[in-house]
Amino acid sequence: MYLTDGGTQTKMTQMEVAYRYSNPPSEAAMRAIDNMREVYGVRRVRFDEKERIVRVEYDASRFKDPVVANLLRRAGLDVQEKLVLA
């Protein structure tokens, strides 16, 4: 996938990471997580509330999955473990 950046094309390495969380996010945490999409490289954030799993699609050429976990924690989500995606 290529993104146009000021008339130039840059290659994007799309990755998805999933984490289990312990407590449902507060309203303030949800707003902060929604704002994560404004961070360049975060494409999508999805929640499975029943399984308490959050999935994040991001541009791996910009940062790695530990940065995603830290963004979620700073937003207020109680991230417990990284899950292996099949």
Protein backbone atom coordinates (compact mmCIF):
# COMPACT_ATOMS: atom_id res chain seq x y z
CA MET A 1 0.00 0.00 0.00
CA TYR A 2 1.26 3.47 -0.83
CA LEU A 3 0.33 6.76 0.75
CA THR A 4 0.81 10.11 -0.92
CA ASP A 5 2.73 12.57 1.20
CA GLY A 6 3.03 15.99 -0.39
CA GLY A 7 3.18 14.61 -3.92
CA THR A 8 5.55 11.74 -3.10
CA GLN A 9 4.57 8.15 -2.49
CA THR A 10 5.77 6.32 0.60
CA LYS A 11 5.38 2.61 1.19
CA MET A 12 3.24 1.61 4.17
CA THR A 13 3.75 -1.69 5.98
CA GLN A 14 0.33 -2.44 7.42
CA MET A 15 0.31 -4.54 10.58
CA GLU A 16 -2.32 -5.55 13.09
CA VAL A 17 -1.73 -6.26 16.75
CA ALA A 18 -4.21 -7.47 19.37
CA TYR A 19 -4.13 -7.08 23.12
CA ARG A 20 -6.31 -8.42 25.91
CA TYR A 21 -7.40 -5.87 28.48
CA SER A 22 -8.80 -6.42 31.96
CA ASN A 23 -11.26 -3.63 32.68
CA PRO A 24 -13.70 -2.04 30.24
CA PRO A 25 -12.40 1.36 29.14
CA SER A 26 -13.93 4.46 30.68
CA GLU A 27 -15.59 7.11 28.54
CA ALA A 28 -12.48 9.28 28.85
CA ALA A 29 -10.27 6.36 27.78
CA MET A 30 -12.50 5.72 24.75
CA ARG A 31 -12.17 9.35 23.69
CA ALA A 32 -8.40 9.17 24.08
CA ILE A 33 -8.26 5.92 22.11
CA ASP A 34 -10.41 7.47 19.40
CA ASN A 35 -7.85 10.28 19.22
CA MET A 36 -5.09 7.69 18.63
CA ARG A 37 -6.23 7.56 15.02
CA GLU A 38 -4.88 11.08 14.66
CA VAL A 39 -1.40 9.72 15.35
CA TYR A 40 0.26 9.20 11.99
CA GLY A 41 0.44 5.48 11.38
CA VAL A 42 -2.58 4.31 13.42
CA ARG A 43 -5.20 3.26 10.87
CA ARG A 44 -7.94 1.60 12.89
CA VAL A 45 -8.83 0.58 16.45
CA ARG A 46 -11.48 -2.11 17.06
CA PHE A 47 -12.85 -3.54 20.29
CA ASP A 48 -14.33 -6.94 21.06
CA GLU A 49 -15.98 -6.10 24.37
CA LYS A 50 -17.16 -9.67 25.04
CA GLU A 51 -13.64 -11.12 24.74
CA ARG A 52 -11.99 -7.92 26.04
CA ILE A 53 -9.68 -7.68 23.06
CA VAL A 54 -8.56 -4.55 21.25
CA ARG A 55 -7.10 -4.75 17.73
CA VAL A 56 -5.05 -1.96 16.24
CA GLU A 57 -4.03 -1.62 12.59
CA TYR A 58 -0.94 0.52 12.17
CA ASP A 59 1.92 1.40 9.84
CA ALA A 60 4.88 -0.72 10.98
CA SER A 61 7.29 1.42 8.97
CA ARG A 62 6.56 4.23 11.47
CA PHE A 63 6.68 2.34 14.79
CA LYS A 64 6.48 -1.12 16.37
CA ASP A 65 3.81 -2.85 18.45
CA PRO A 66 5.29 -1.87 21.88
CA VAL A 67 4.55 1.75 20.91
CA VAL A 68 0.93 0.76 20.18
CA ALA A 69 0.65 -0.87 23.63
CA ASN A 70 2.06 2.28 25.25
CA LEU A 71 -0.39 4.48 23.34
CA LEU A 72 -3.27 2.32 24.61
CA ARG A 73 -1.96 2.43 28.18
CA ARG A 74 -1.48 6.20 28.07
CA ALA A 75 -5.06 6.51 26.82
CA GLY A 76 -6.20 4.66 29.94
CA LEU A 77 -6.72 1.09 28.73
CA ASP A 78 -5.51 -1.63 31.10
CA VAL A 79 -3.53 -3.68 28.55
CA GLN A 80 -2.67 -7.12 29.94
CA GLU A 81 -1.12 -9.21 27.21
CA LYS A 82 -0.29 -9.24 23.54
CA LEU A 83 -2.18 -11.93 21.62
CA VAL A 84 -0.86 -14.05 18.78
CA LEU A 85 -2.91 -13.52 15.63
CA ALA A 86 -3.49 -16.52 13.41
